[in-house]
Amino acid sequence: MKEKMTLQIVLMLIAIGISAGVLSGLIGIGGGIIMVPMLLLLGFSQQQAQGTSLAALLPPVTLLAVINYHKEGFIDWRYALTISLFFIVGGFLGSKIAISIDQKILKKIFGVVLLIVAGKMIFSK
């Protein structure tokens, strides 16, 4: 996606960032559920959308939200650091797989995962 960044694209990127940030702070989602589908609407391939979403998360974008949750005692740092360590490993392995899969198959995998998560959230007690 190497097109010129028009005002319309910049505004869309701002909307994606704000939406993902608010939902990340509010209910812990943002990258995969918000940014990737919105980037797909901008014409990105599945791999471009996923890569761009991950790159946007590279800086400590959740730092202020984490500080708020920490102040209220809602973070178990042992769990968070363990997950983070293995998230790094999993992210590396997953990205290697994703870049080698055809975009059509990857989109289907992505959609099925979203449906499973949505179904679990909707139908669980």
Protein backbone atom coordinates (compact mmCIF):
# COMPACT_ATOMS: atom_id res chain seq x y z
CA MET A 1 0.00 0.00 0.00
CA LYS A 2 2.17 2.80 -1.31
CA GLU A 3 -0.44 5.37 -2.33
CA LYS A 4 -0.27 9.05 -1.46
CA MET A 5 -1.71 9.85 1.95
CA THR A 6 -4.69 12.05 1.16
CA LEU A 7 -6.63 13.95 3.82
CA GLN A 8 -9.35 11.29 3.60
CA ILE A 9 -6.84 8.51 4.28
CA VAL A 10 -5.25 10.45 7.16
CA LEU A 11 -8.70 10.99 8.72
CA MET A 12 -9.49 7.29 8.32
CA LEU A 13 -6.18 6.36 9.97
CA ILE A 14 -6.96 8.74 12.84
CA ALA A 15 -10.39 7.10 13.23
CA ILE A 16 -8.79 3.64 13.22
CA GLY A 17 -6.27 4.71 15.87
CA ILE A 18 -8.84 6.35 18.13
CA SER A 19 -11.31 3.45 17.78
CA ALA A 20 -8.65 0.85 18.48
CA GLY A 21 -7.24 2.86 21.37
CA VAL A 22 -10.59 3.46 23.05
CA LEU A 23 -11.66 -0.16 22.66
CA SER A 24 -8.25 -1.39 23.80
CA GLY A 25 -8.47 0.67 26.97
CA LEU A 26 -12.16 -0.07 27.46
CA ILE A 27 -12.39 -3.81 26.82
CA GLY A 28 -8.88 -4.95 25.88
CA ILE A 29 -9.30 -5.24 22.09
CA GLY A 30 -7.99 -3.17 19.24
CA GLY A 31 -5.42 -4.57 16.84
CA GLY A 32 -6.93 -7.63 15.28
CA ILE A 33 -10.58 -6.86 15.80
CA ILE A 34 -10.57 -3.16 14.92
CA MET A 35 -7.47 -2.18 12.98
CA VAL A 36 -7.19 -5.17 10.65
CA PRO A 37 -10.78 -5.05 9.30
CA MET A 38 -10.62 -1.26 8.89
CA LEU A 39 -7.31 -1.49 7.02
CA LEU A 40 -8.88 -4.14 4.78
CA LEU A 41 -11.56 -1.57 3.94
CA LEU A 42 -8.76 0.79 2.88
CA GLY A 43 -7.64 -1.81 0.34
CA PHE A 44 -4.82 -3.49 2.24
CA SER A 45 -4.15 -7.18 1.68
CA GLN A 46 -4.69 -9.41 4.74
CA GLN A 47 -0.93 -9.60 5.32
CA GLN A 48 -0.51 -5.82 4.90
CA ALA A 49 -3.35 -5.16 7.35
CA GLN A 50 -1.95 -7.56 9.93
CA GLY A 51 1.60 -6.25 9.55
CA THR A 52 0.51 -2.61 9.76
CA SER A 53 -1.65 -3.34 12.82
CA LEU A 54 1.28 -5.02 14.56
CA ALA A 55 3.61 -2.16 13.61
CA ALA A 56 1.15 0.34 15.11
CA LEU A 57 1.32 -1.59 18.38
CA LEU A 58 5.12 -1.62 18.40
CA PRO A 59 5.55 1.56 20.41
CA PRO A 60 4.17 1.38 23.93
CA VAL A 61 0.70 2.49 22.80
CA THR A 62 -1.06 0.97 25.76
CA LEU A 63 1.27 2.48 28.37
CA LEU A 64 -1.21 5.05 29.72
CA ALA A 65 -4.04 2.49 29.84
CA VAL A 66 -1.74 0.05 31.68
CA ILE A 67 -0.83 2.75 34.19
CA ASN A 68 -4.53 3.34 34.92
CA TYR A 69 -5.20 -0.39 35.40
CA HIS A 70 -2.04 -0.76 37.53
CA LYS A 71 -3.04 2.13 39.80
CA GLU A 72 -6.32 0.38 40.51
CA GLY A 73 -4.60 -2.96 41.19
CA PHE A 74 -6.03 -4.73 38.15
CA ILE A 75 -2.78 -6.17 36.76
CA ASP A 76 -1.06 -9.38 37.78
CA TRP A 77 2.46 -8.59 36.56
CA ARG A 78 3.66 -12.20 36.84
CA TYR A 79 0.96 -13.32 34.43
CA ALA A 80 1.40 -10.30 32.16
CA LEU A 81 5.18 -10.75 31.84
CA THR A 82 4.88 -14.50 31.23
CA ILE A 83 2.24 -13.92 28.53
CA SER A 84 4.36 -11.13 27.02
CA LEU A 85 7.46 -13.29 26.77
CA PHE A 86 5.63 -16.08 24.97
CA PHE A 87 3.59 -13.59 22.92
CA ILE A 88 6.90 -12.47 21.41
CA VAL A 89 7.75 -16.06 20.45
CA GLY A 90 4.23 -16.75 19.19
CA GLY A 91 4.13 -13.50 17.23
CA PHE A 92 7.36 -14.40 15.47
CA LEU A 93 6.16 -17.90 14.60
CA GLY A 94 2.69 -16.71 13.57
CA SER A 95 4.08 -14.00 11.31
CA LYS A 96 6.33 -16.53 9.56
CA ILE A 97 3.27 -18.71 8.88
CA ALA A 98 1.03 -15.77 7.86
CA ILE A 99 3.39 -14.37 5.25
CA SER A 100 3.62 -17.77 3.58
CA ILE A 101 -0.16 -18.38 3.37
CA ASP A 102 -2.34 -17.24 0.48
CA GLN A 103 -4.34 -14.10 1.40
CA LYS A 104 -7.70 -15.78 0.68
CA ILE A 105 -6.97 -18.61 3.11
CA LEU A 106 -5.61 -16.20 5.72
CA LYS A 107 -8.78 -14.06 5.50
CA LYS A 108 -10.91 -17.16 6.05
CA ILE A 109 -8.83 -18.17 9.09
CA PHE A 110 -9.13 -14.62 10.45
CA GLY A 111 -12.91 -14.59 9.92
CA VAL A 112 -13.41 -18.00 11.56
CA VAL A 113 -11.39 -16.91 14.61
CA LEU A 114 -13.53 -13.75 14.92
CA LEU A 115 -16.72 -15.82 14.66
CA ILE A 116 -15.54 -18.29 17.31
CA VAL A 117 -14.58 -15.48 19.69
CA ALA A 118 -17.86 -13.63 19.03
CA GLY A 119 -19.91 -16.80 19.57
CA LYS A 120 -18.10 -17.58 22.83
CA MET A 121 -18.64 -14.03 24.07
CA ILE A 122 -22.31 -13.91 23.07
CA PHE A 123 -23.36 -17.36 24.25
CA SER A 124 -21.27 -17.79 27.43
CA LYS A 125 -22.80 -17.17 30.83
